[in-house]
């Protein structure tokens, strides 16, 4: 899948909106990439899963960052025929009280999937949780890199980050 085809899929899902938006880290932006629109659109989700599947090896395990990375991990798991685990943002206080959901063996290689990276904080926290649970995490695949320092923060955590699309590409030639 080409970058343009993926950009077209994100735009077709109306996932890119313009105006004044507050972001999760407290900053503001003139545009917003609505992960819930692109993750709940079957055509867009299928395109993302196919693009991610091209980038994983058959012996990889996927890690979905809750909440947005979970549908990406599930769809990519099916497309690539590899298993996945879920990295929670916080430990639940009932049942098993797991921070990592699913089967994870000590030393297993996990490729983390995330929707949008701005500062990279959620991704880095998920990587740390997975590593604490015994995983080896050296790679992350993200749908959109907003190019606001997240890549640098993720790489400082020892993780190679590959974005399917950058903000620059997504916003180019907008009408």
N, C-alpha and C. Protein backbone atom coordinates (compact mmCIF):
# COMPACT_ATOMS: atom_id res chain seq x y z
N UNK A 1 0.84 -1.18 0.00
CA UNK A 1 0.00 0.00 0.00
C UNK A 1 0.88 1.24 0.00
N UNK A 2 0.54 2.19 -0.85
CA UNK A 2 1.31 3.42 -0.92
C UNK A 2 0.87 4.39 0.18
N UNK A 3 1.74 5.32 0.50
CA UNK A 3 1.37 6.35 1.47
C UNK A 3 0.15 7.12 1.00
N UNK A 4 0.08 7.41 -0.29
CA UNK A 4 -1.05 8.18 -0.80
C UNK A 4 -2.36 7.42 -0.64
N UNK A 5 -2.33 6.12 -0.87
CA UNK A 5 -3.55 5.32 -0.69
C UNK A 5 -4.01 5.35 0.77
N UNK A 6 -3.07 5.30 1.69
CA UNK A 6 -3.41 5.37 3.10
C UNK A 6 -3.92 6.76 3.48
N UNK A 7 -3.28 7.79 2.96
CA UNK A 7 -3.75 9.16 3.19
C UNK A 7 -5.17 9.32 2.65
N UNK A 8 -5.41 8.79 1.45
CA UNK A 8 -6.75 8.86 0.87
C UNK A 8 -7.77 8.14 1.74
N UNK A 9 -7.39 7.00 2.32
CA UNK A 9 -8.29 6.25 3.20
C UNK A 9 -8.60 7.04 4.47
N UNK A 10 -7.58 7.68 5.05
CA UNK A 10 -7.80 8.50 6.25
C UNK A 10 -8.71 9.68 5.94
N UNK A 11 -8.48 10.31 4.80
CA UNK A 11 -9.33 11.44 4.40
C UNK A 11 -10.74 10.99 4.08
N UNK A 12 -10.90 9.84 3.44
CA UNK A 12 -12.23 9.32 3.11
C UNK A 12 -13.03 9.00 4.37
N UNK A 13 -12.33 8.64 5.44
CA UNK A 13 -13.00 8.37 6.72
C UNK A 13 -13.29 9.66 7.48
N UNK A 14 -12.98 10.81 6.87
CA UNK A 14 -13.15 12.13 7.51
C UNK A 14 -12.40 12.22 8.84
N UNK A 15 -11.26 11.56 8.92
CA UNK A 15 -10.51 11.51 10.16
C UNK A 15 -9.69 12.76 10.44
N UNK A 16 -9.51 13.62 9.44
CA UNK A 16 -8.74 14.84 9.62
C UNK A 16 -9.69 16.02 9.66
N UNK A 17 -9.64 16.74 10.77
CA UNK A 17 -10.54 17.88 10.95
C UNK A 17 -9.71 19.13 11.24
N UNK A 18 -10.25 20.26 10.83
CA UNK A 18 -9.53 21.52 11.01
C UNK A 18 -10.33 22.46 11.89
N UNK A 19 -9.62 23.23 12.70
CA UNK A 19 -10.23 24.15 13.66
C UNK A 19 -9.27 24.31 14.83
N UNK A 20 -9.80 24.59 16.00
CA UNK A 20 -8.99 24.72 17.22
C UNK A 20 -9.30 23.52 18.11
N UNK A 21 -8.28 22.71 18.41
CA UNK A 21 -8.49 21.50 19.18
C UNK A 21 -7.50 21.42 20.34
N UNK A 22 -7.99 20.96 21.49
CA UNK A 22 -7.11 20.68 22.61
C UNK A 22 -6.66 19.23 22.49
N UNK A 23 -5.38 18.99 22.69
CA UNK A 23 -4.83 17.64 22.58
C UNK A 23 -4.66 17.04 23.97
N UNK A 24 -4.48 15.73 24.03
CA UNK A 24 -4.42 15.02 25.30
C UNK A 24 -3.28 15.50 26.20
N UNK A 25 -2.20 15.99 25.62
CA UNK A 25 -1.08 16.45 26.43
C UNK A 25 -1.26 17.88 26.92
N UNK A 26 -2.41 18.49 26.58
CA UNK A 26 -2.71 19.83 27.06
C UNK A 26 -2.47 20.93 26.05
N UNK A 27 -1.75 20.66 24.99
CA UNK A 27 -1.50 21.66 23.97
C UNK A 27 -2.70 21.81 23.05
N UNK A 28 -2.60 22.75 22.13
CA UNK A 28 -3.67 22.96 21.15
C UNK A 28 -3.11 22.76 19.75
N UNK A 29 -4.03 22.54 18.82
CA UNK A 29 -3.63 22.32 17.44
C UNK A 29 -4.70 22.86 16.51
N UNK A 30 -4.27 23.22 15.30
CA UNK A 30 -5.20 23.70 14.27
C UNK A 30 -5.82 22.55 13.49
N UNK A 31 -5.39 21.33 13.78
CA UNK A 31 -5.99 20.16 13.14
C UNK A 31 -6.07 19.02 14.14
N UNK A 32 -6.94 18.08 13.86
CA UNK A 32 -7.13 16.93 14.73
C UNK A 32 -7.29 15.70 13.86
N UNK A 33 -6.59 14.64 14.22
CA UNK A 33 -6.75 13.37 13.53
C UNK A 33 -7.58 12.50 14.46
N UNK A 34 -8.81 12.23 14.06
CA UNK A 34 -9.75 11.51 14.91
C UNK A 34 -9.58 10.01 14.73
N UNK A 35 -8.86 9.40 15.67
CA UNK A 35 -8.56 7.97 15.59
C UNK A 35 -9.83 7.14 15.62
N UNK A 36 -10.85 7.63 16.31
CA UNK A 36 -12.08 6.84 16.40
C UNK A 36 -12.80 6.78 15.06
N UNK A 37 -12.64 7.80 14.24
CA UNK A 37 -13.24 7.74 12.91
C UNK A 37 -12.48 6.79 12.00
N UNK A 38 -11.14 6.83 12.05
CA UNK A 38 -10.43 5.93 11.14
C UNK A 38 -10.38 4.49 11.65
N UNK A 39 -10.49 4.29 12.96
CA UNK A 39 -10.46 2.93 13.49
C UNK A 39 -11.81 2.24 13.43
N UNK A 40 -12.87 2.99 13.26
CA UNK A 40 -14.20 2.38 13.18
C UNK A 40 -14.72 2.32 11.75
N UNK A 41 -13.94 2.82 10.81
CA UNK A 41 -14.29 2.74 9.39
C UNK A 41 -13.66 1.46 8.84
N UNK A 42 -14.47 0.49 8.40
CA UNK A 42 -13.89 -0.80 7.99
C UNK A 42 -12.87 -0.70 6.86
N UNK A 43 -13.11 0.17 5.89
CA UNK A 43 -12.15 0.28 4.77
C UNK A 43 -10.82 0.86 5.24
N UNK A 44 -10.90 1.87 6.08
CA UNK A 44 -9.67 2.50 6.58
C UNK A 44 -8.93 1.55 7.52
N UNK A 45 -9.66 0.90 8.41
CA UNK A 45 -9.04 -0.05 9.33
C UNK A 45 -8.37 -1.19 8.57
N UNK A 46 -9.03 -1.67 7.53
CA UNK A 46 -8.45 -2.74 6.72
C UNK A 46 -7.17 -2.28 6.04
N UNK A 47 -7.16 -1.05 5.53
CA UNK A 47 -5.97 -0.51 4.87
C UNK A 47 -4.81 -0.37 5.85
N UNK A 48 -5.11 0.11 7.05
CA UNK A 48 -4.07 0.26 8.08
C UNK A 48 -3.53 -1.11 8.48
N UNK A 49 -4.43 -2.06 8.71
CA UNK A 49 -4.01 -3.41 9.11
C UNK A 49 -3.14 -4.05 8.03
N UNK A 50 -3.50 -3.85 6.78
CA UNK A 50 -2.70 -4.41 5.68
C UNK A 50 -1.31 -3.77 5.65
N UNK A 51 -1.25 -2.46 5.85
CA UNK A 51 0.04 -1.76 5.86
C UNK A 51 0.90 -2.22 7.03
N UNK A 52 0.31 -2.37 8.20
CA UNK A 52 1.05 -2.87 9.36
C UNK A 52 1.50 -4.31 9.12
N UNK A 53 0.60 -5.14 8.56
CA UNK A 53 0.91 -6.55 8.34
C UNK A 53 2.12 -6.73 7.43
N UNK A 54 2.29 -5.82 6.47
CA UNK A 54 3.46 -5.87 5.58
C UNK A 54 4.76 -5.63 6.34
N UNK A 55 4.66 -5.04 7.53
CA UNK A 55 5.84 -4.62 8.28
C UNK A 55 6.16 -5.50 9.48
N UNK A 56 5.39 -6.57 9.68
CA UNK A 56 5.68 -7.47 10.80
C UNK A 56 6.14 -8.82 10.27
N UNK A 57 6.92 -9.50 11.09
CA UNK A 57 7.41 -10.83 10.76
C UNK A 57 6.47 -11.88 11.34
N UNK A 58 6.46 -13.07 10.75
CA UNK A 58 5.56 -14.13 11.24
C UNK A 58 5.80 -14.53 12.70
N UNK A 59 7.02 -14.31 13.21
CA UNK A 59 7.30 -14.69 14.59
C UNK A 59 7.14 -13.53 15.57
N UNK A 60 6.70 -12.36 15.11
CA UNK A 60 6.44 -11.23 15.98
C UNK A 60 5.15 -11.43 16.75
N UNK A 61 5.06 -10.78 17.87
CA UNK A 61 3.80 -10.65 18.59
C UNK A 61 3.51 -9.15 18.57
N UNK A 62 2.24 -8.81 18.48
CA UNK A 62 1.84 -7.41 18.46
C UNK A 62 1.42 -6.97 19.86
N UNK A 63 1.60 -5.69 20.12
CA UNK A 63 1.13 -5.10 21.37
C UNK A 63 0.29 -3.89 21.05
N UNK A 64 -0.96 -3.93 21.42
CA UNK A 64 -1.85 -2.79 21.19
C UNK A 64 -1.92 -1.92 22.42
N UNK A 65 -1.70 -0.62 22.24
CA UNK A 65 -1.79 0.34 23.34
C UNK A 65 -3.26 0.68 23.55
N UNK A 66 -3.77 0.42 24.76
CA UNK A 66 -5.19 0.72 25.03
C UNK A 66 -5.39 2.23 25.02
N UNK A 67 -6.35 2.71 24.45
CA UNK A 67 -7.50 2.13 23.80
C UNK A 67 -7.32 2.09 22.29
N UNK A 68 -6.73 3.11 21.73
CA UNK A 68 -6.67 3.22 20.28
C UNK A 68 -5.87 2.16 19.55
N UNK A 69 -4.85 1.60 20.20
CA UNK A 69 -4.04 0.58 19.55
C UNK A 69 -4.68 -0.80 19.52
N UNK A 70 -5.76 -0.98 20.30
CA UNK A 70 -6.36 -2.31 20.39
C UNK A 70 -7.05 -2.73 19.08
N UNK A 71 -7.92 -1.90 18.49
CA UNK A 71 -8.49 -2.33 17.21
C UNK A 71 -7.43 -2.48 16.12
N UNK A 72 -6.39 -1.67 16.18
CA UNK A 72 -5.30 -1.80 15.21
C UNK A 72 -4.59 -3.13 15.38
N UNK A 73 -4.32 -3.51 16.63
CA UNK A 73 -3.65 -4.78 16.90
C UNK A 73 -4.54 -5.95 16.51
N UNK A 74 -5.84 -5.86 16.82
CA UNK A 74 -6.75 -6.95 16.49
C UNK A 74 -6.84 -7.15 14.98
N UNK A 75 -7.03 -6.07 14.25
CA UNK A 75 -7.15 -6.16 12.79
C UNK A 75 -5.84 -6.63 12.16
N UNK A 76 -4.72 -6.13 12.65
CA UNK A 76 -3.42 -6.53 12.12
C UNK A 76 -3.11 -7.97 12.48
N UNK A 77 -3.52 -8.40 13.66
CA UNK A 77 -3.34 -9.79 14.06
C UNK A 77 -4.00 -10.74 13.07
N UNK A 78 -5.21 -10.39 12.65
CA UNK A 78 -5.93 -11.22 11.68
C UNK A 78 -5.24 -11.15 10.32
N UNK A 79 -4.87 -9.94 9.89
CA UNK A 79 -4.25 -9.78 8.57
C UNK A 79 -2.88 -10.46 8.48
N UNK A 80 -2.10 -10.39 9.55
CA UNK A 80 -0.74 -10.93 9.53
C UNK A 80 -0.66 -12.34 10.11
N UNK A 81 -1.78 -12.79 10.69
CA UNK A 81 -1.84 -14.10 11.33
C UNK A 81 -0.80 -14.25 12.43
N UNK A 82 -0.70 -13.21 13.27
CA UNK A 82 0.18 -13.23 14.44
C UNK A 82 -0.65 -12.84 15.66
N UNK A 83 -0.29 -13.34 16.84
CA UNK A 83 -1.04 -13.00 18.04
C UNK A 83 -0.72 -11.60 18.56
N UNK A 84 -1.54 -11.15 19.50
CA UNK A 84 -1.29 -9.84 20.10
C UNK A 84 -1.63 -9.84 21.58
N UNK A 85 -1.11 -8.85 22.26
CA UNK A 85 -1.45 -8.57 23.65
C UNK A 85 -1.89 -7.11 23.74
N UNK A 86 -2.53 -6.79 24.85
CA UNK A 86 -3.01 -5.43 25.08
C UNK A 86 -2.27 -4.85 26.27
N UNK A 87 -1.73 -3.64 26.08
CA UNK A 87 -1.07 -2.92 27.17
C UNK A 87 -2.05 -1.89 27.72
N UNK A 88 -2.51 -2.13 28.95
CA UNK A 88 -3.44 -1.20 29.60
C UNK A 88 -2.70 0.05 30.07
N UNK A 89 -3.44 1.14 30.20
CA UNK A 89 -2.84 2.37 30.73
C UNK A 89 -2.68 2.29 32.24
N UNK A 90 -3.57 1.54 32.88
CA UNK A 90 -3.44 1.33 34.31
C UNK A 90 -3.99 -0.05 34.66
N UNK A 91 -3.48 -0.59 35.72
CA UNK A 91 -3.88 -1.91 36.18
C UNK A 91 -5.33 -1.87 36.64
N UNK A 92 -6.12 -2.84 36.20
CA UNK A 92 -7.50 -2.89 36.67
C UNK A 92 -7.51 -3.40 38.11
N UNK A 93 -8.52 -3.01 38.86
CA UNK A 93 -8.57 -3.34 40.29
C UNK A 93 -9.43 -4.57 40.57
N UNK A 94 -9.75 -5.35 39.58
CA UNK A 94 -10.58 -6.53 39.78
C UNK A 94 -10.07 -7.65 38.88
N UNK A 95 -10.62 -8.83 39.05
CA UNK A 95 -10.21 -9.97 38.22
C UNK A 95 -8.74 -10.27 38.41
N UNK A 96 -8.01 -10.36 37.31
CA UNK A 96 -6.59 -10.72 37.36
C UNK A 96 -5.69 -9.54 37.67
N UNK A 97 -6.21 -8.33 37.60
CA UNK A 97 -5.45 -7.10 37.85
C UNK A 97 -4.23 -6.99 36.94
N UNK A 98 -4.35 -7.48 35.72
CA UNK A 98 -3.23 -7.44 34.78
C UNK A 98 -3.05 -6.07 34.16
N UNK A 99 -1.81 -5.72 33.91
CA UNK A 99 -1.49 -4.52 33.13
C UNK A 99 -1.35 -4.91 31.66
N UNK A 100 -0.92 -6.15 31.42
CA UNK A 100 -0.81 -6.69 30.06
C UNK A 100 -1.84 -7.81 29.95
N UNK A 101 -2.71 -7.71 28.96
CA UNK A 101 -3.75 -8.73 28.73
C UNK A 101 -3.36 -9.60 27.55
N UNK A 102 -3.57 -10.89 27.69
CA UNK A 102 -3.21 -11.84 26.65
C UNK A 102 -2.01 -12.66 27.09
N UNK A 103 -1.57 -13.55 26.22
CA UNK A 103 -0.45 -14.44 26.55
C UNK A 103 0.87 -13.81 26.13
N UNK A 104 1.76 -13.68 27.11
CA UNK A 104 3.08 -13.10 26.86
C UNK A 104 4.12 -13.94 27.58
N UNK A 105 5.08 -14.44 26.83
CA UNK A 105 6.16 -15.24 27.39
C UNK A 105 7.39 -14.36 27.62
N UNK A 106 8.15 -14.71 28.62
CA UNK A 106 9.39 -14.00 28.94
C UNK A 106 10.30 -13.96 27.70
N UNK A 107 10.79 -12.77 27.35
CA UNK A 107 11.70 -12.59 26.24
C UNK A 107 11.06 -12.50 24.87
N UNK A 108 9.74 -12.62 24.82
CA UNK A 108 9.05 -12.57 23.53
C UNK A 108 9.19 -11.19 22.89
N UNK A 109 9.43 -11.18 21.59
CA UNK A 109 9.57 -9.94 20.81
C UNK A 109 8.19 -9.39 20.51
N UNK A 110 7.95 -8.14 20.92
CA UNK A 110 6.66 -7.49 20.70
C UNK A 110 6.86 -6.22 19.89
N UNK A 111 6.06 -6.07 18.83
CA UNK A 111 6.03 -4.84 18.05
C UNK A 111 4.78 -4.09 18.50
N UNK A 112 4.98 -2.89 19.03
CA UNK A 112 3.87 -2.12 19.58
C UNK A 112 3.19 -1.33 18.48
N UNK A 113 1.86 -1.35 18.48
CA UNK A 113 1.06 -0.60 17.51
C UNK A 113 0.34 0.53 18.22
N UNK A 114 0.38 1.71 17.62
CA UNK A 114 -0.27 2.88 18.20
C UNK A 114 -0.93 3.68 17.08
N UNK A 115 -1.96 4.41 17.42
CA UNK A 115 -2.69 5.18 16.42
C UNK A 115 -1.97 6.47 16.05
N UNK A 116 -1.85 7.38 16.99
CA UNK A 116 -1.26 8.70 16.71
C UNK A 116 -0.20 9.00 17.76
N UNK A 117 0.95 9.49 17.33
CA UNK A 117 2.00 9.87 18.26
C UNK A 117 2.21 11.38 18.17
N UNK A 118 2.04 12.03 19.32
CA UNK A 118 2.31 13.46 19.43
C UNK A 118 3.57 13.62 20.29
N UNK A 119 3.44 13.36 21.60
CA UNK A 119 4.60 13.42 22.49
C UNK A 119 5.25 12.05 22.67
N UNK A 120 4.51 10.99 22.38
CA UNK A 120 5.01 9.63 22.53
C UNK A 120 4.86 9.07 23.93
N UNK A 121 4.26 9.82 24.83
CA UNK A 121 4.15 9.39 26.23
C UNK A 121 3.39 8.08 26.38
N UNK A 122 2.22 7.94 25.77
CA UNK A 122 1.43 6.71 25.90
C UNK A 122 2.19 5.52 25.34
N UNK A 123 2.85 5.72 24.22
CA UNK A 123 3.61 4.65 23.59
C UNK A 123 4.77 4.21 24.48
N UNK A 124 5.50 5.16 25.02
CA UNK A 124 6.64 4.84 25.89
C UNK A 124 6.15 4.13 27.16
N UNK A 125 5.03 4.57 27.73
CA UNK A 125 4.49 3.91 28.92
C UNK A 125 4.10 2.47 28.60
N UNK A 126 3.53 2.23 27.42
CA UNK A 126 3.16 0.87 27.02
C UNK A 126 4.41 0.02 26.84
N UNK A 127 5.44 0.58 26.23
CA UNK A 127 6.71 -0.14 26.05
C UNK A 127 7.28 -0.53 27.41
N UNK A 128 7.26 0.40 28.36
CA UNK A 128 7.80 0.11 29.70
C UNK A 128 7.00 -0.99 30.38
N UNK A 129 5.67 -0.95 30.25
CA UNK A 129 4.82 -1.99 30.86
C UNK A 129 5.11 -3.35 30.24
N UNK A 130 5.25 -3.38 28.92
CA UNK A 130 5.56 -4.64 28.24
C UNK A 130 6.93 -5.16 28.65
N UNK A 131 7.89 -4.30 28.74
CA UNK A 131 9.23 -4.72 29.15
C UNK A 131 9.21 -5.22 30.59
N UNK A 132 8.47 -4.52 31.46
CA UNK A 132 8.35 -4.97 32.85
C UNK A 132 7.72 -6.35 32.95
N UNK A 133 6.85 -6.67 31.97
CA UNK A 133 6.18 -7.98 31.94
C UNK A 133 7.05 -9.05 31.28
N UNK A 134 8.26 -8.68 30.82
CA UNK A 134 9.18 -9.65 30.27
C UNK A 134 9.37 -9.60 28.76
N UNK A 135 8.65 -8.72 28.07
CA UNK A 135 8.76 -8.63 26.62
C UNK A 135 10.04 -7.92 26.21
N UNK A 136 10.47 -8.21 25.00
CA UNK A 136 11.53 -7.46 24.34
C UNK A 136 10.83 -6.55 23.35
N UNK A 137 11.01 -5.23 23.50
CA UNK A 137 10.35 -4.28 22.61
C UNK A 137 11.41 -3.37 22.01
N UNK A 138 11.53 -3.45 20.68
CA UNK A 138 12.51 -2.62 19.98
C UNK A 138 11.89 -1.86 18.82
N UNK A 139 10.61 -2.18 18.49
CA UNK A 139 9.96 -1.54 17.34
C UNK A 139 8.55 -1.11 17.70
N UNK A 140 8.14 -0.01 17.07
CA UNK A 140 6.76 0.44 17.18
C UNK A 140 6.31 0.89 15.80
N UNK A 141 5.07 0.55 15.47
CA UNK A 141 4.45 1.01 14.24
C UNK A 141 3.28 1.91 14.62
N UNK A 142 3.22 3.08 14.00
CA UNK A 142 2.14 4.02 14.30
C UNK A 142 1.47 4.44 13.00
N UNK A 143 0.21 4.82 13.11
CA UNK A 143 -0.51 5.27 11.92
C UNK A 143 -0.04 6.66 11.53
N UNK A 144 -0.11 7.62 12.49
CA UNK A 144 0.24 9.01 12.18
C UNK A 144 1.26 9.53 13.19
N UNK A 145 2.35 10.07 12.69
CA UNK A 145 3.32 10.79 13.51
C UNK A 145 3.03 12.28 13.32
N UNK A 146 2.57 12.93 14.39
CA UNK A 146 2.26 14.36 14.31
C UNK A 146 3.52 15.22 14.21
N UNK A 147 4.68 14.63 14.34
CA UNK A 147 5.97 15.32 14.21
C UNK A 147 6.11 16.46 15.23
N UNK A 148 5.76 16.12 16.47
CA UNK A 148 5.84 17.12 17.55
C UNK A 148 6.73 16.63 18.68
N UNK A 149 7.76 15.85 18.35
CA UNK A 149 8.71 15.37 19.35
C UNK A 149 8.48 13.96 19.82
N UNK A 150 7.39 13.35 19.43
CA UNK A 150 7.10 11.98 19.87
C UNK A 150 8.12 10.97 19.40
N UNK A 151 8.51 11.06 18.14
CA UNK A 151 9.49 10.11 17.60
C UNK A 151 10.78 10.14 18.43
N UNK A 152 11.24 11.31 18.75
CA UNK A 152 12.48 11.45 19.54
C UNK A 152 12.31 10.82 20.92
N UNK A 153 11.16 11.03 21.56
CA UNK A 153 10.91 10.45 22.88
C UNK A 153 10.84 8.92 22.82
N UNK A 154 10.23 8.41 21.78
CA UNK A 154 10.12 6.96 21.61
C UNK A 154 11.51 6.38 21.35
N UNK A 155 12.28 7.03 20.50
CA UNK A 155 13.63 6.54 20.20
C UNK A 155 14.55 6.65 21.41
N UNK A 156 14.34 7.67 22.26
CA UNK A 156 15.11 7.78 23.51
C UNK A 156 14.84 6.59 24.43
N UNK A 157 13.67 5.96 24.27
CA UNK A 157 13.32 4.78 25.07
C UNK A 157 13.88 3.50 24.43
N UNK A 158 14.67 3.66 23.37
CA UNK A 158 15.28 2.50 22.73
C UNK A 158 14.38 1.76 21.77
N UNK A 159 13.41 2.48 21.20
CA UNK A 159 12.44 1.86 20.30
C UNK A 159 12.51 2.56 18.95
N UNK A 160 12.66 1.76 17.89
CA UNK A 160 12.61 2.29 16.53
C UNK A 160 11.14 2.48 16.16
N UNK A 161 10.78 3.69 15.77
CA UNK A 161 9.39 3.99 15.43
C UNK A 161 9.24 4.20 13.93
N UNK A 162 8.26 3.52 13.35
CA UNK A 162 7.95 3.70 11.94
C UNK A 162 6.50 4.17 11.83
N UNK A 163 6.31 5.30 11.18
CA UNK A 163 4.97 5.84 10.98
C UNK A 163 4.52 5.54 9.56
N UNK A 164 3.26 5.15 9.43
CA UNK A 164 2.71 4.95 8.09
C UNK A 164 2.58 6.28 7.37
N UNK A 165 2.23 7.32 8.13
CA UNK A 165 2.00 8.65 7.56
C UNK A 165 2.49 9.69 8.56
N UNK A 166 3.08 10.76 8.05
CA UNK A 166 3.44 11.89 8.91
C UNK A 166 2.38 12.98 8.76
N UNK A 167 2.35 13.87 9.74
CA UNK A 167 1.42 14.99 9.67
C UNK A 167 1.67 15.81 8.41
N UNK A 168 2.93 16.00 8.08
CA UNK A 168 3.28 16.77 6.89
C UNK A 168 2.65 16.15 5.64
N UNK A 169 2.73 14.83 5.52
CA UNK A 169 2.14 14.15 4.37
C UNK A 169 0.62 14.22 4.40
N UNK A 170 0.06 14.03 5.57
CA UNK A 170 -1.40 14.02 5.72
C UNK A 170 -2.01 15.39 5.42
N UNK A 171 -1.31 16.45 5.77
CA UNK A 171 -1.85 17.80 5.61
C UNK A 171 -1.48 18.44 4.27
N UNK A 172 -0.57 17.82 3.53
CA UNK A 172 -0.15 18.37 2.23
C UNK A 172 -1.33 18.39 1.26
N UNK A 173 -1.36 19.42 0.45
CA UNK A 173 -2.37 19.53 -0.61
C UNK A 173 -3.79 19.48 -0.10
N UNK A 174 -4.01 19.92 1.13
CA UNK A 174 -5.39 19.89 1.65
C UNK A 174 -6.20 20.99 0.98
N UNK A 175 -7.46 20.69 0.84
CA UNK A 175 -8.33 21.65 0.16
C UNK A 175 -9.03 22.52 1.16
